[in-house]
Structures are given as C-alpha cells and as structure tokens.
Amino acid sequence: MLRWHLVDTHCHIDTPAFDDDRPSVIQRASDARIGLINSGISLTSNLATRELLQHENVYAAYGLSPLNVAEKESVEEFIRRNADSATAVGEVGLDFYHVKSGHQREQQENAFEQFIRLSQELGLPLVIHSRDAEERVFELVHGVDQAIYHCYGGSVELLEKIVDCGHYISISTRVCRSGHHQKLVEKAPRDMVVIETDSPYLAARKGRNEPSFVGDAIVTISQVWDTEIEEAASIVAENTCRAFNLG
C-alpha cells in the first residue's frame, strides 16, 4: 500500500524557482500526504535530485532532457552508479517542438534509444518526454516493459495504442483548464492514469506550480469520471504504485 495519499509523479523542485523556499515546498507536500518524484534533466539536475532524497516524501527519477543530448554519456554513467536510489529513468525522449532540424532530431533519437536500453537493463520504468513527437516516440518504445508518458497531450487515437501496450498516461494540472486533456482523461482507462504538476510549470492557479497542488488535477479528474474525489485519488494512487513500483 502506498504511504502517500497522492504522488506528484513528475516535478522539478531542484530548479531556481524553488531556491527561496524549497524545504517549505517539500514540507507542504508532506503535510498533505503527497509524495513527489523529482525528475532530472541533466547531470547537474540529477545530482541535485539525489540530494533531495534526504526528504522522506521525495523519490528520484534520473534522466536527460532531449535538449541536453551532449551530456548523454555522463548522465548514463551517473544513472548506472546511482540506480539503487532511482525510481525511474527519465525524463528522456524526443522534443520536436523546440528542435526542427533533421540532424538534431536524429541526435535526440540516438540518445533516447540509449536510455531506453538502459532502463530495460536496469529494470526501471521509463519516463517519456514526447512533445510534438508522440507518434515517433511510440514507434521506439511500444515494446518497453514499463513506461509513463509524462505530461501526455497527444491524440486520443494514440492514447489508445499506448495503453494497449500497458503504458501509463500522466495527466498534468493543465487538465484543470484544458478541454483536450479532459477528453484524454475521459477516454483513458481509469487504471492507466497517473498525475503530475511538472512544477514549477503548468499551474492551474496563478503563479508558480508546486507538488502540493497536484490535488487540483484530481478534482478535475473526479468531475470527468463522475466520481468522488477520494475515489479518484485512490484509483490514481494505486496506478502510481504499479507504474513506479512504489510501496
């Protein structure tokens, strides 16, 4: 049984946005019985993520942003050395929103394939970044054992293929204001949905997002599912346990 009421499955509280109050942010989440998975995107942020494990409600995902592929060798080495403290490999993936050139996209794919193999070798779930590249990402990962599509915003049609592979869809707090994301929640099997804030981004409220706000997503999801908030929270918490092997 998961010890936390909810888990924010993807956040970046190591970033400068939290430099003034990071311990308080983590404590607010703990007080609300919210665990959080901090996601590294570079060697520096993976190191910072590892330091956050001193807090009992923080888990680590070590990864590499597709915009930082030059660091792929050093980040792979770091993950191998620190696999025992990792909940997942990620975020890793493709970003065709920011990267347009064929050569750079090829570099991203090469790095992504490297980390797909690493996650399989280590037996860790894969957390996927797939901005404007969902179809190509699916082609590369459909055979992976455990995967979570971070901040999924692709089509309903692809969503159906993703969950048929046994992979999870992570719905961000953007769902509170986005009809498209609410449609994704409606169409996704309830046992394949997890939630995230992507803090400090994607706030449903004015200003900076933070892990203790992940419950905002649950309120909207419960409305879409036409169920009680506690029931929706329980379903999503159980999904999180399975997706990330948490207990």
C-alpha atoms as a PDB file:
ATOM      1  CA  MET A   1       0.000   0.000   0.000  1.00  0.00           C
ATOM      2  CA  LEU A   2       1.312   3.440  -0.931  1.00  0.00           C
ATOM      3  CA  ARG A   3       2.147   5.505   2.149  1.00  0.00           C
ATOM      4  CA  TRP A   4       1.113   8.756   0.443  1.00  0.00           C
ATOM      5  CA  HIS A   5      -2.410   9.944  -0.343  1.00  0.00           C
ATOM      6  CA  LEU A   6      -1.169  11.079  -3.775  1.00  0.00           C
ATOM      7  CA  VAL A   7       2.116  11.235  -5.651  1.00  0.00           C
ATOM      8  CA  ASP A   8       3.151  14.048  -7.949  1.00  0.00           C
ATOM      9  CA  THR A   9       4.847  11.773 -10.474  1.00  0.00           C
ATOM     10  CA  HIS A  10       6.832  14.498 -12.222  1.00  0.00           C
ATOM     11  CA  CYS A  11       8.253  17.753 -10.899  1.00  0.00           C
ATOM     12  CA  HIS A  12      11.418  19.847 -10.957  1.00  0.00           C
ATOM     13  CA  ILE A  13      11.826  21.301  -7.492  1.00  0.00           C
ATOM     14  CA  ASP A  14      15.598  21.396  -7.924  1.00  0.00           C
ATOM     15  CA  THR A  15      15.184  24.386 -10.265  1.00  0.00           C
ATOM     16  CA  PRO A  16      15.918  28.015  -9.286  1.00  0.00           C
ATOM     17  CA  ALA A  17      12.182  28.716  -8.994  1.00  0.00           C
ATOM     18  CA  PHE A  18      12.341  26.974  -5.603  1.00  0.00           C
ATOM     19  CA  ASP A  19      15.652  28.320  -4.316  1.00  0.00           C
ATOM     20  CA  ASP A  20      13.976  30.630  -1.789  1.00  0.00           C
ATOM     21  CA  ASP A  21      11.624  28.103  -0.202  1.00  0.00           C
ATOM     22  CA  ARG A  22      12.451  24.557  -1.313  1.00  0.00           C
ATOM     23  CA  PRO A  23      12.247  22.967   2.184  1.00  0.00           C
ATOM     24  CA  SER A  24       8.863  24.608   2.763  1.00  0.00           C
ATOM     25  CA  VAL A  25       7.563  23.368  -0.597  1.00  0.00           C
ATOM     26  CA  ILE A  26       8.570  19.816   0.259  1.00  0.00           C
ATOM     27  CA  GLN A  27       7.075  20.114   3.738  1.00  0.00           C
ATOM     28  CA  ARG A  28       3.747  21.413   2.386  1.00  0.00           C
ATOM     29  CA  ALA A  29       3.542  18.335   0.190  1.00  0.00           C
ATOM     30  CA  SER A  30       4.419  16.055   3.109  1.00  0.00           C
ATOM     31  CA  ASP A  31       1.823  17.705   5.341  1.00  0.00           C
ATOM     32  CA  ALA A  32      -0.783  16.959   2.656  1.00  0.00           C
ATOM     33  CA  ARG A  33       0.455  13.337   2.449  1.00  0.00           C
ATOM     34  CA  ILE A  34       1.797  13.905  -1.047  1.00  0.00           C
ATOM     35  CA  GLY A  35       4.907  12.179  -2.284  1.00  0.00           C
ATOM     36  CA  LEU A  36       6.817  13.520  -5.262  1.00  0.00           C
ATOM     37  CA  ILE A  37       9.111  12.190  -7.951  1.00  0.00           C
ATOM     38  CA  ASN A  38      11.701  14.767  -8.918  1.00  0.00           C
ATOM     39  CA  SER A  39      12.861  14.383 -12.495  1.00  0.00           C
ATOM     40  CA  GLY A  40      16.437  15.134 -13.506  1.00  0.00           C
ATOM     41  CA  ILE A  41      17.165  16.519 -16.959  1.00  0.00           C
ATOM     42  CA  SER A  42      20.965  16.962 -16.894  1.00  0.00           C
ATOM     43  CA  LEU A  43      23.947  15.832 -14.875  1.00  0.00           C
ATOM     44  CA  THR A  44      23.629  18.874 -12.623  1.00  0.00           C
ATOM     45  CA  SER A  45      19.927  18.368 -12.001  1.00  0.00           C
ATOM     46  CA  ASN A  46      20.388  14.636 -11.411  1.00  0.00           C
ATOM     47  CA  LEU A  47      22.954  15.444  -8.739  1.00  0.00           C
ATOM     48  CA  ALA A  48      20.532  17.925  -7.176  1.00  0.00           C
ATOM     49  CA  THR A  49      17.715  15.375  -7.363  1.00  0.00           C
ATOM     50  CA  ARG A  50      19.829  12.832  -5.500  1.00  0.00           C
ATOM     51  CA  GLU A  51      20.389  15.375  -2.699  1.00  0.00           C
ATOM     52  CA  LEU A  52      16.619  15.784  -2.328  1.00  0.00           C
ATOM     53  CA  LEU A  53      16.303  12.154  -1.260  1.00  0.00           C
ATOM     54  CA  GLN A  54      17.092  13.255   2.281  1.00  0.00           C
ATOM     55  CA  HIS A  55      13.370  14.103   2.444  1.00  0.00           C
ATOM     56  CA  GLU A  56      11.203  11.037   3.107  1.00  0.00           C
ATOM     57  CA  ASN A  57       8.487  12.008   0.610  1.00  0.00           C
ATOM     58  CA  VAL A  58      10.887  12.549  -2.323  1.00  0.00           C
ATOM     59  CA  TYR A  59      11.707   9.922  -4.948  1.00  0.00           C
ATOM     60  CA  ALA A  60      14.240  10.283  -7.748  1.00  0.00           C
ATOM     61  CA  ALA A  61      13.949   9.847 -11.499  1.00  0.00           C
ATOM     62  CA  TYR A  62      17.286  10.381 -13.206  1.00  0.00           C
ATOM     63  CA  GLY A  63      17.154  11.449 -16.821  1.00  0.00           C
ATOM     64  CA  LEU A  64      18.258  13.640 -19.684  1.00  0.00           C
ATOM     65  CA  SER A  65      16.214  16.276 -21.468  1.00  0.00           C
ATOM     66  CA  PRO A  66      16.205  15.812 -25.244  1.00  0.00           C
ATOM     67  CA  LEU A  67      17.619  19.349 -25.332  1.00  0.00           C
ATOM     68  CA  ASN A  68      20.725  18.209 -23.405  1.00  0.00           C
ATOM     69  CA  VAL A  69      21.845  15.238 -25.506  1.00  0.00           C
ATOM     70  CA  ALA A  70      25.500  16.336 -25.416  1.00  0.00           C
ATOM     71  CA  GLU A  71      25.548  15.061 -21.819  1.00  0.00           C
ATOM     72  CA  LYS A  72      24.302  11.580 -22.626  1.00  0.00           C
ATOM     73  CA  GLU A  73      27.457   9.680 -21.710  1.00  0.00           C
ATOM     74  CA  SER A  74      27.989  11.406 -18.371  1.00  0.00           C
ATOM     75  CA  VAL A  75      24.314  11.049 -17.471  1.00  0.00           C
ATOM     76  CA  GLU A  76      24.267   7.357 -18.351  1.00  0.00           C
ATOM     77  CA  GLU A  77      27.311   6.829 -16.149  1.00  0.00           C
ATOM     78  CA  PHE A  78      25.605   8.709 -13.308  1.00  0.00           C
ATOM     79  CA  ILE A  79      22.439   6.614 -13.604  1.00  0.00           C
ATOM     80  CA  ARG A  80      24.394   3.384 -13.588  1.00  0.00           C
ATOM     81  CA  ARG A  81      26.257   4.450 -10.441  1.00  0.00           C
ATOM     82  CA  ASN A  82      23.057   5.576  -8.700  1.00  0.00           C
ATOM     83  CA  ALA A  83      20.497   3.071  -9.956  1.00  0.00           C
ATOM     84  CA  ASP A  84      19.800   1.831  -6.426  1.00  0.00           C
ATOM     85  CA  SER A  85      18.342   5.225  -5.496  1.00  0.00           C
ATOM     86  CA  ALA A  86      16.317   5.637  -8.712  1.00  0.00           C
ATOM     87  CA  THR A  87      12.577   5.128  -9.023  1.00  0.00           C
ATOM     88  CA  ALA A  88      12.726   5.557 -12.813  1.00  0.00           C
ATOM     89  CA  VAL A  89      14.868   6.549 -15.770  1.00  0.00           C
ATOM     90  CA  GLY A  90      13.623   9.872 -17.065  1.00  0.00           C
ATOM     91  CA  GLU A  91      12.654  12.092 -18.218  1.00  0.00           C
ATOM     92  CA  VAL A  92      14.103  11.101 -21.567  1.00  0.00           C
ATOM     93  CA  GLY A  93      12.685  11.234 -25.069  1.00  0.00           C
ATOM     94  CA  LEU A  94      12.131  13.467 -28.068  1.00  0.00           C
ATOM     95  CA  ASP A  95      11.189  17.136 -28.383  1.00  0.00           C
ATOM     96  CA  PHE A  96      10.174  18.154 -31.895  1.00  0.00           C
ATOM     97  CA  TYR A  97       8.604  21.385 -30.625  1.00  0.00           C
ATOM     98  CA  HIS A  98      11.957  23.005 -29.897  1.00  0.00           C
ATOM     99  CA  VAL A  99      14.091  21.032 -32.348  1.00  0.00           C
ATOM    100  CA  LYS A 100      13.287  21.246 -36.059  1.00  0.00           C
ATOM    101  CA  SER A 101      16.425  20.129 -37.915  1.00  0.00           C
ATOM    102  CA  GLY A 102      16.679  16.532 -39.078  1.00  0.00           C
ATOM    103  CA  HIS A 103      20.238  16.190 -37.807  1.00  0.00           C
ATOM    104  CA  GLN A 104      19.361  17.342 -34.290  1.00  0.00           C
ATOM    105  CA  ARG A 105      16.301  15.103 -34.198  1.00  0.00           C
ATOM    106  CA  GLU A 106      18.489  12.173 -35.170  1.00  0.00           C
ATOM    107  CA  GLN A 107      20.811  13.010 -32.270  1.00  0.00           C
ATOM    108  CA  GLN A 108      17.811  13.028 -29.950  1.00  0.00           C
ATOM    109  CA  GLU A 109      16.676   9.636 -31.204  1.00  0.00           C
ATOM    110  CA  ASN A 110      20.122   8.140 -30.731  1.00  0.00           C
ATOM    111  CA  ALA A 111      20.248   9.388 -27.144  1.00  0.00           C
ATOM    112  CA  PHE A 112      16.689   8.248 -26.463  1.00  0.00           C
ATOM    113  CA  GLU A 113      17.415   4.740 -27.722  1.00  0.00           C
ATOM    114  CA  GLN A 114      20.470   4.642 -25.452  1.00  0.00           C
ATOM    115  CA  PHE A 115      18.326   5.400 -22.388  1.00  0.00           C
ATOM    116  CA  ILE A 116      15.562   3.025 -23.458  1.00  0.00           C
ATOM    117  CA  ARG A 117      18.137   0.247 -23.411  1.00  0.00           C
ATOM    118  CA  LEU A 118      19.448   1.447 -20.060  1.00  0.00           C
ATOM    119  CA  SER A 119      16.014   1.408 -18.424  1.00  0.00           C
ATOM    120  CA  GLN A 120      15.418  -2.114 -19.674  1.00  0.00           C
ATOM    121  CA  GLU A 121      18.814  -3.287 -18.465  1.00  0.00           C
ATOM    122  CA  LEU A 122      18.268  -1.772 -15.008  1.00  0.00           C
ATOM    123  CA  GLY A 123      14.669  -2.911 -14.758  1.00  0.00           C
ATOM    124  CA  LEU A 124      13.413   0.624 -14.123  1.00  0.00           C
ATOM    125  CA  PRO A 125      10.303   2.331 -15.520  1.00  0.00           C
ATOM    126  CA  LEU A 126      10.899   4.767 -18.383  1.00  0.00           C
ATOM    127  CA  VAL A 127       9.514   8.317 -18.049  1.00  0.00           C
ATOM    128  CA  ILE A 128       8.998   9.758 -21.518  1.00  0.00           C
ATOM    129  CA  HIS A 129       9.203  13.321 -22.832  1.00  0.00           C
ATOM    130  CA  SER A 130       7.373  13.399 -26.160  1.00  0.00           C
ATOM    131  CA  ARG A 131       6.489  16.989 -27.007  1.00  0.00           C
ATOM    132  CA  ASP A 132       5.169  17.150 -30.586  1.00  0.00           C
ATOM    133  CA  ALA A 133       6.839  13.770 -31.151  1.00  0.00           C
ATOM    134  CA  GLU A 134       4.329  11.340 -29.678  1.00  0.00           C
ATOM    135  CA  GLU A 135       3.963   9.166 -32.780  1.00  0.00           C
ATOM    136  CA  ARG A 136       7.712   8.687 -33.248  1.00  0.00           C
ATOM    137  CA  VAL A 137       8.206   8.044 -29.544  1.00  0.00           C
ATOM    138  CA  PHE A 138       5.550   5.348 -29.650  1.00  0.00           C
ATOM    139  CA  GLU A 139       7.356   3.624 -32.511  1.00  0.00           C
ATOM    140  CA  LEU A 140      10.507   3.479 -30.378  1.00  0.00           C
ATOM    141  CA  VAL A 141       9.021   2.387 -27.038  1.00  0.00           C
ATOM    142  CA  HIS A 142       5.964   0.261 -27.731  1.00  0.00           C
ATOM    143  CA  GLY A 143       7.908  -2.864 -26.734  1.00  0.00           C
ATOM    144  CA  VAL A 144       9.235  -1.461 -23.438  1.00  0.00           C
ATOM    145  CA  ASP A 145       8.072  -3.222 -20.272  1.00  0.00           C
ATOM    146  CA  GLN A 146       7.167  -0.198 -18.114  1.00  0.00           C
ATOM    147  CA  ALA A 147       6.691   3.338 -19.421  1.00  0.00           C
ATOM    148  CA  ILE A 148       4.943   6.533 -18.403  1.00  0.00           C
ATOM    149  CA  TYR A 149       4.188   9.284 -20.916  1.00  0.00           C
ATOM    150  CA  HIS A 150       4.996  12.437 -18.964  1.00  0.00           C
ATOM    151  CA  CYS A 151       2.539  15.300 -19.489  1.00  0.00           C
ATOM    152  CA  TYR A 152       0.775  13.493 -22.323  1.00  0.00           C
ATOM    153  CA  GLY A 153      -1.005  15.816 -24.735  1.00  0.00           C
ATOM    154  CA  GLY A 154      -1.231  13.752 -27.911  1.00  0.00           C
ATOM    155  CA  SER A 155      -4.234  12.351 -29.708  1.00  0.00           C
ATOM    156  CA  VAL A 156      -6.938  10.089 -28.300  1.00  0.00           C
ATOM    157  CA  GLU A 157      -6.163   7.593 -31.061  1.00  0.00           C
ATOM    158  CA  LEU A 158      -2.524   7.285 -29.993  1.00  0.00           C
ATOM    159  CA  LEU A 159      -3.539   7.161 -26.340  1.00  0.00           C
ATOM    160  CA  GLU A 160      -5.494   4.002 -27.097  1.00  0.00           C
ATOM    161  CA  LYS A 161      -2.407   2.384 -28.640  1.00  0.00           C
ATOM    162  CA  ILE A 162      -0.241   3.460 -25.713  1.00  0.00           C
ATOM    163  CA  VAL A 163      -2.463   1.942 -23.037  1.00  0.00           C
ATOM    164  CA  ASP A 164      -2.879  -1.216 -25.119  1.00  0.00           C
ATOM    165  CA  CYS A 165       0.903  -1.636 -24.650  1.00  0.00           C
ATOM    166  CA  GLY A 166       0.426  -1.404 -20.885  1.00  0.00           C
ATOM    167  CA  HIS A 167       1.974   2.055 -20.672  1.00  0.00           C
ATOM    168  CA  TYR A 168       0.642   4.825 -18.461  1.00  0.00           C
ATOM    169  CA  ILE A 169      -0.564   8.318 -19.284  1.00  0.00           C
ATOM    170  CA  SER A 170       0.499  11.098 -16.917  1.00  0.00           C
ATOM    171  CA  ILE A 171      -2.011  13.930 -16.754  1.00  0.00           C
ATOM    172  CA  SER A 172      -0.713  17.278 -15.554  1.00  0.00           C
ATOM    173  CA  THR A 173      -2.502  20.045 -13.686  1.00  0.00           C
ATOM    174  CA  ARG A 174      -3.103  21.543 -17.136  1.00  0.00           C
ATOM    175  CA  VAL A 175      -6.190  19.317 -17.164  1.00  0.00           C
ATOM    176  CA  CYS A 176      -7.950  21.878 -14.964  1.00  0.00           C
ATOM    177  CA  ARG A 177      -8.099  24.350 -17.865  1.00  0.00           C
ATOM    178  CA  SER A 178      -7.779  22.208 -20.973  1.00  0.00           C
ATOM    179  CA  GLY A 179     -10.726  20.595 -22.709  1.00  0.00           C
ATOM    180  CA  HIS A 180      -8.356  18.380 -24.713  1.00  0.00           C
ATOM    181  CA  HIS A 181      -6.723  16.983 -21.580  1.00  0.00           C
ATOM    182  CA  GLN A 182     -10.135  16.412 -20.018  1.00  0.00           C
ATOM    183  CA  LYS A 183     -11.069  14.429 -23.130  1.00  0.00           C
ATOM    184  CA  LEU A 184      -7.917  12.336 -22.671  1.00  0.00           C
ATOM    185  CA  VAL A 185      -8.972  11.590 -19.085  1.00  0.00           C
ATOM    186  CA  GLU A 186     -12.428  10.624 -20.303  1.00  0.00           C
ATOM    187  CA  LYS A 187     -11.079   8.222 -22.919  1.00  0.00           C
ATOM    188  CA  ALA A 188      -8.175   6.686 -20.983  1.00  0.00           C
ATOM    189  CA  PRO A 189      -8.797   3.523 -18.945  1.00  0.00           C
ATOM    190  CA  ARG A 190      -9.007   4.631 -15.333  1.00  0.00           C
ATOM    191  CA  ASP A 191      -6.349   2.156 -14.267  1.00  0.00           C
ATOM    192  CA  MET A 192      -3.762   3.673 -16.649  1.00  0.00           C
ATOM    193  CA  VAL A 193      -3.792   7.292 -15.422  1.00  0.00           C
ATOM    194  CA  VAL A 194      -1.265   8.953 -13.118  1.00  0.00           C
ATOM    195  CA  ILE A 195      -0.900  12.656 -12.326  1.00  0.00           C
ATOM    196  CA  GLU A 196       1.797  15.308 -12.127  1.00  0.00           C
ATOM    197  CA  THR A 197       2.390  19.020 -11.721  1.00  0.00           C
ATOM    198  CA  ASP A 198       5.560  19.403 -13.820  1.00  0.00           C
ATOM    199  CA  SER A 199       6.372  22.078 -11.216  1.00  0.00           C
ATOM    200  CA  PRO A 200       7.218  24.898 -11.447  1.00  0.00           C
ATOM    201  CA  TYR A 201       5.303  24.841 -14.751  1.00  0.00           C
ATOM    202  CA  LEU A 202       1.687  24.223 -15.811  1.00  0.00           C
ATOM    203  CA  ALA A 203      -0.036  25.651 -12.748  1.00  0.00           C
ATOM    204  CA  ALA A 204      -3.818  25.560 -12.624  1.00  0.00           C
ATOM    205  CA  ARG A 205      -3.557  28.504 -10.231  1.00  0.00           C
ATOM    206  CA  LYS A 206      -1.943  31.868 -10.758  1.00  0.00           C
ATOM    207  CA  GLY A 207       1.819  31.818 -10.303  1.00  0.00           C
ATOM    208  CA  ARG A 208       4.281  29.002  -9.708  1.00  0.00           C
ATOM    209  CA  ASN A 209       3.153  25.407  -9.570  1.00  0.00           C
ATOM    210  CA  GLU A 210       4.288  23.069  -6.779  1.00  0.00           C
ATOM    211  CA  PRO A 211       3.708  19.421  -5.780  1.00  0.00           C
ATOM    212  CA  SER A 212       1.093  20.183  -3.125  1.00  0.00           C
ATOM    213  CA  PHE A 213      -1.140  21.466  -5.949  1.00  0.00           C
ATOM    214  CA  VAL A 214      -1.321  18.044  -7.637  1.00  0.00           C
ATOM    215  CA  GLY A 215      -4.693  17.560  -5.975  1.00  0.00           C
ATOM    216  CA  ASP A 216      -6.089  20.206  -8.335  1.00  0.00           C
ATOM    217  CA  ALA A 217      -5.801  17.620 -11.107  1.00  0.00           C
ATOM    218  CA  ILE A 218      -7.660  15.054  -9.025  1.00  0.00           C
ATOM    219  CA  VAL A 219     -10.599  17.420  -8.529  1.00  0.00           C
ATOM    220  CA  THR A 220     -10.999  17.834 -12.283  1.00  0.00           C
ATOM    221  CA  ILE A 221     -10.427  14.128 -12.971  1.00  0.00           C
ATOM    222  CA  SER A 222     -13.116  13.205 -10.434  1.00  0.00           C
ATOM    223  CA  GLN A 223     -15.533  15.513 -12.252  1.00  0.00           C
ATOM    224  CA  VAL A 224     -14.725  13.941 -15.623  1.00  0.00           C
ATOM    225  CA  TRP A 225     -15.102  10.460 -14.143  1.00  0.00           C
ATOM    226  CA  ASP A 226     -18.255  11.494 -12.255  1.00  0.00           C
ATOM    227  CA  THR A 227     -16.938  10.033  -9.030  1.00  0.00           C
ATOM    228  CA  GLU A 228     -15.992  11.235  -5.573  1.00  0.00           C
ATOM    229  CA  ILE A 229     -12.635  12.983  -5.163  1.00  0.00           C
ATOM    230  CA  GLU A 230     -11.418  10.367  -2.683  1.00  0.00           C
ATOM    231  CA  GLU A 231     -12.329   7.549  -5.045  1.00  0.00           C
ATOM    232  CA  ALA A 232     -10.448   9.191  -7.912  1.00  0.00           C
ATOM    233  CA  ALA A 233      -7.461   9.781  -5.630  1.00  0.00           C
ATOM    234  CA  SER A 234      -7.461   6.145  -4.537  1.00  0.00           C
ATOM    235  CA  ILE A 235      -7.547   4.871  -8.129  1.00  0.00           C
ATOM    236  CA  VAL A 236      -4.715   7.153  -9.219  1.00  0.00           C
ATOM    237  CA  ALA A 237      -2.616   6.298  -6.151  1.00  0.00           C
ATOM    238  CA  GLU A 238      -2.947   2.578  -6.894  1.00  0.00           C
ATOM    239  CA  ASN A 239      -1.976   3.223 -10.517  1.00  0.00           C
ATOM    240  CA  THR A 240       1.101   5.100  -9.342  1.00  0.00           C
ATOM    241  CA  CYS A 241       2.156   2.165  -7.177  1.00  0.00           C
ATOM    242  CA  ARG A 242       2.075  -0.134 -10.199  1.00  0.00           C
ATOM    243  CA  ALA A 243       3.621   2.300 -12.665  1.00  0.00           C
ATOM    244  CA  PHE A 244       6.628   3.130 -10.475  1.00  0.00           C
ATOM    245  CA  ASN A 245       6.881   0.010  -8.288  1.00  0.00           C
ATOM    246  CA  LEU A 246       6.188   2.025  -5.157  1.00  0.00           C
ATOM    247  CA  GLY A 247       5.033   0.502  -1.900  1.00  0.00           C
END
